[in-house]
Amino acid sequence: MLWPVCHSAREVRTVCDALTEQSWISDIQGTLNVTVIVEFLDLWNLLSEVELQPEVEDSHTWRFSTNGKYSAKSAYESLFVGENLEKLGA
């Protein structure tokens, strides 16, 4: 998993700071196995499409509930998203 390799308590940055000139990449340390490298490349691809808008206020939306708000119930139910499709062979 990439998170333990990437998480760094030595420095606290904003998302904007981390994405500026891709400085978040320097936070990745330690042994990198194939799984971590694949996750890293996937994350890099996702982040390369992010356009920050400093003048727009941040908003947080939980996509696993109809009202966009987090709850323990919606988190639990999110664990099973797609499960029925797999049983149907989709």
C-alpha atoms as a PDB file:
ATOM      1  CA  MET A   1       0.000   0.000   0.000  1.00  0.00           C
ATOM      2  CA  LEU A   2       1.188   3.458  -0.878  1.00  0.00           C
ATOM      3  CA  TRP A   3      -0.133   5.293   2.203  1.00  0.00           C
ATOM      4  CA  PRO A   4       2.455   4.018   4.734  1.00  0.00           C
ATOM      5  CA  VAL A   5       5.251   4.750   2.280  1.00  0.00           C
ATOM      6  CA  CYS A   6       3.948   8.218   1.428  1.00  0.00           C
ATOM      7  CA  HIS A   7       2.725   9.435   4.822  1.00  0.00           C
ATOM      8  CA  SER A   8       5.216  11.713   6.484  1.00  0.00           C
ATOM      9  CA  ALA A   9       4.864  13.213   9.954  1.00  0.00           C
ATOM     10  CA  ARG A  10       7.978  15.347   9.437  1.00  0.00           C
ATOM     11  CA  GLU A  11       6.202  17.886   7.301  1.00  0.00           C
ATOM     12  CA  VAL A  12       2.663  19.220   7.100  1.00  0.00           C
ATOM     13  CA  ARG A  13       1.565  20.684   3.779  1.00  0.00           C
ATOM     14  CA  THR A  14      -1.648  21.715   2.134  1.00  0.00           C
ATOM     15  CA  VAL A  15      -2.875  19.863  -0.935  1.00  0.00           C
ATOM     16  CA  CYS A  16      -2.014  22.934  -2.978  1.00  0.00           C
ATOM     17  CA  ASP A  17       1.557  22.909  -1.655  1.00  0.00           C
ATOM     18  CA  ALA A  18       1.936  19.191  -2.346  1.00  0.00           C
ATOM     19  CA  LEU A  19       0.611  19.431  -5.893  1.00  0.00           C
ATOM     20  CA  THR A  20       2.723  22.442  -6.810  1.00  0.00           C
ATOM     21  CA  GLU A  21       5.463  21.142  -9.058  1.00  0.00           C
ATOM     22  CA  GLN A  22       4.545  17.598  -7.906  1.00  0.00           C
ATOM     23  CA  SER A  23       6.447  18.011  -4.649  1.00  0.00           C
ATOM     24  CA  TRP A  24       4.324  15.237  -3.064  1.00  0.00           C
ATOM     25  CA  ILE A  25       6.493  12.740  -4.929  1.00  0.00           C
ATOM     26  CA  SER A  26       9.436  13.499  -2.632  1.00  0.00           C
ATOM     27  CA  ASP A  27       7.396  12.205   0.329  1.00  0.00           C
ATOM     28  CA  ILE A  28       7.563   8.646  -0.974  1.00  0.00           C
ATOM     29  CA  GLN A  29      10.269   6.769   0.863  1.00  0.00           C
ATOM     30  CA  GLY A  30      11.217   3.243   1.809  1.00  0.00           C
ATOM     31  CA  THR A  31      11.064  -0.017  -0.078  1.00  0.00           C
ATOM     32  CA  LEU A  32       8.867   0.123  -3.146  1.00  0.00           C
ATOM     33  CA  ASN A  33       7.390  -3.167  -4.284  1.00  0.00           C
ATOM     34  CA  VAL A  34       5.419  -3.701  -7.495  1.00  0.00           C
ATOM     35  CA  THR A  35       2.065  -3.048  -5.782  1.00  0.00           C
ATOM     36  CA  VAL A  36       3.265   0.274  -4.357  1.00  0.00           C
ATOM     37  CA  ILE A  37       4.717   1.352  -7.700  1.00  0.00           C
ATOM     38  CA  VAL A  38       1.453   0.541  -9.510  1.00  0.00           C
ATOM     39  CA  GLU A  39      -0.542   2.500  -6.893  1.00  0.00           C
ATOM     40  CA  PHE A  40       1.925   5.377  -7.203  1.00  0.00           C
ATOM     41  CA  LEU A  41       1.543   5.523 -10.986  1.00  0.00           C
ATOM     42  CA  ASP A  42      -2.255   5.356 -10.721  1.00  0.00           C
ATOM     43  CA  LEU A  43      -2.228   8.181  -8.188  1.00  0.00           C
ATOM     44  CA  TRP A  44       0.154  10.227 -10.337  1.00  0.00           C
ATOM     45  CA  ASN A  45      -2.205   9.869 -13.313  1.00  0.00           C
ATOM     46  CA  LEU A  46      -5.203  10.952 -11.235  1.00  0.00           C
ATOM     47  CA  LEU A  47      -3.398  13.932  -9.717  1.00  0.00           C
ATOM     48  CA  SER A  48      -2.067  15.096 -13.077  1.00  0.00           C
ATOM     49  CA  GLU A  49      -5.661  15.966 -14.037  1.00  0.00           C
ATOM     50  CA  VAL A  50      -6.396  18.008 -10.907  1.00  0.00           C
ATOM     51  CA  GLU A  51      -6.839  21.736 -11.385  1.00  0.00           C
ATOM     52  CA  LEU A  52      -6.867  23.654  -8.122  1.00  0.00           C
ATOM     53  CA  GLN A  53      -8.991  26.760  -7.854  1.00  0.00           C
ATOM     54  CA  PRO A  54      -7.726  28.743  -4.842  1.00  0.00           C
ATOM     55  CA  GLU A  55     -10.595  31.234  -5.121  1.00  0.00           C
ATOM     56  CA  VAL A  56     -13.206  28.463  -4.700  1.00  0.00           C
ATOM     57  CA  GLU A  57     -14.031  27.252  -1.190  1.00  0.00           C
ATOM     58  CA  ASP A  58     -13.446  23.545  -0.550  1.00  0.00           C
ATOM     59  CA  SER A  59     -16.416  21.236  -0.232  1.00  0.00           C
ATOM     60  CA  HIS A  60     -16.571  17.673   1.013  1.00  0.00           C
ATOM     61  CA  THR A  61     -19.133  15.244  -0.377  1.00  0.00           C
ATOM     62  CA  TRP A  62     -19.479  11.617   0.695  1.00  0.00           C
ATOM     63  CA  ARG A  63     -20.447   9.810  -2.495  1.00  0.00           C
ATOM     64  CA  PHE A  64     -21.817   6.753  -0.714  1.00  0.00           C
ATOM     65  CA  SER A  65     -24.889   8.502   0.678  1.00  0.00           C
ATOM     66  CA  THR A  66     -27.745  10.259  -1.068  1.00  0.00           C
ATOM     67  CA  ASN A  67     -27.344  13.433   1.002  1.00  0.00           C
ATOM     68  CA  GLY A  68     -23.554  13.612   0.541  1.00  0.00           C
ATOM     69  CA  LYS A  69     -22.859  13.361   4.274  1.00  0.00           C
ATOM     70  CA  TYR A  70     -20.766  10.662   5.953  1.00  0.00           C
ATOM     71  CA  SER A  71     -22.333   8.231   8.393  1.00  0.00           C
ATOM     72  CA  ALA A  72     -21.140   4.951   9.878  1.00  0.00           C
ATOM     73  CA  LYS A  73     -24.061   3.240   8.139  1.00  0.00           C
ATOM     74  CA  SER A  74     -23.116   4.610   4.707  1.00  0.00           C
ATOM     75  CA  ALA A  75     -19.475   3.667   5.291  1.00  0.00           C
ATOM     76  CA  TYR A  76     -20.504   0.107   6.170  1.00  0.00           C
ATOM     77  CA  GLU A  77     -22.816  -0.118   3.171  1.00  0.00           C
ATOM     78  CA  SER A  78     -20.056   1.193   0.887  1.00  0.00           C
ATOM     79  CA  LEU A  79     -18.084  -1.958   1.643  1.00  0.00           C
ATOM     80  CA  PHE A  80     -20.653  -3.909  -0.348  1.00  0.00           C
ATOM     81  CA  VAL A  81     -20.998  -1.603  -3.359  1.00  0.00           C
ATOM     82  CA  GLY A  82     -20.807  -3.715  -6.496  1.00  0.00           C
ATOM     83  CA  GLU A  83     -21.147  -6.978  -4.617  1.00  0.00           C
ATOM     84  CA  ASN A  84     -24.527  -7.800  -6.178  1.00  0.00           C
ATOM     85  CA  LEU A  85     -23.154  -7.117  -9.656  1.00  0.00           C
ATOM     86  CA  GLU A  86     -20.336  -9.600  -9.046  1.00  0.00           C
ATOM     87  CA  LYS A  87     -22.853 -12.277  -7.969  1.00  0.00           C
ATOM     88  CA  LEU A  88     -24.772 -11.715 -11.212  1.00  0.00           C
ATOM     89  CA  GLY A  89     -21.590 -12.148 -13.235  1.00  0.00           C
ATOM     90  CA  ALA A  90     -21.470  -8.542 -14.398  1.00  0.00           C
END
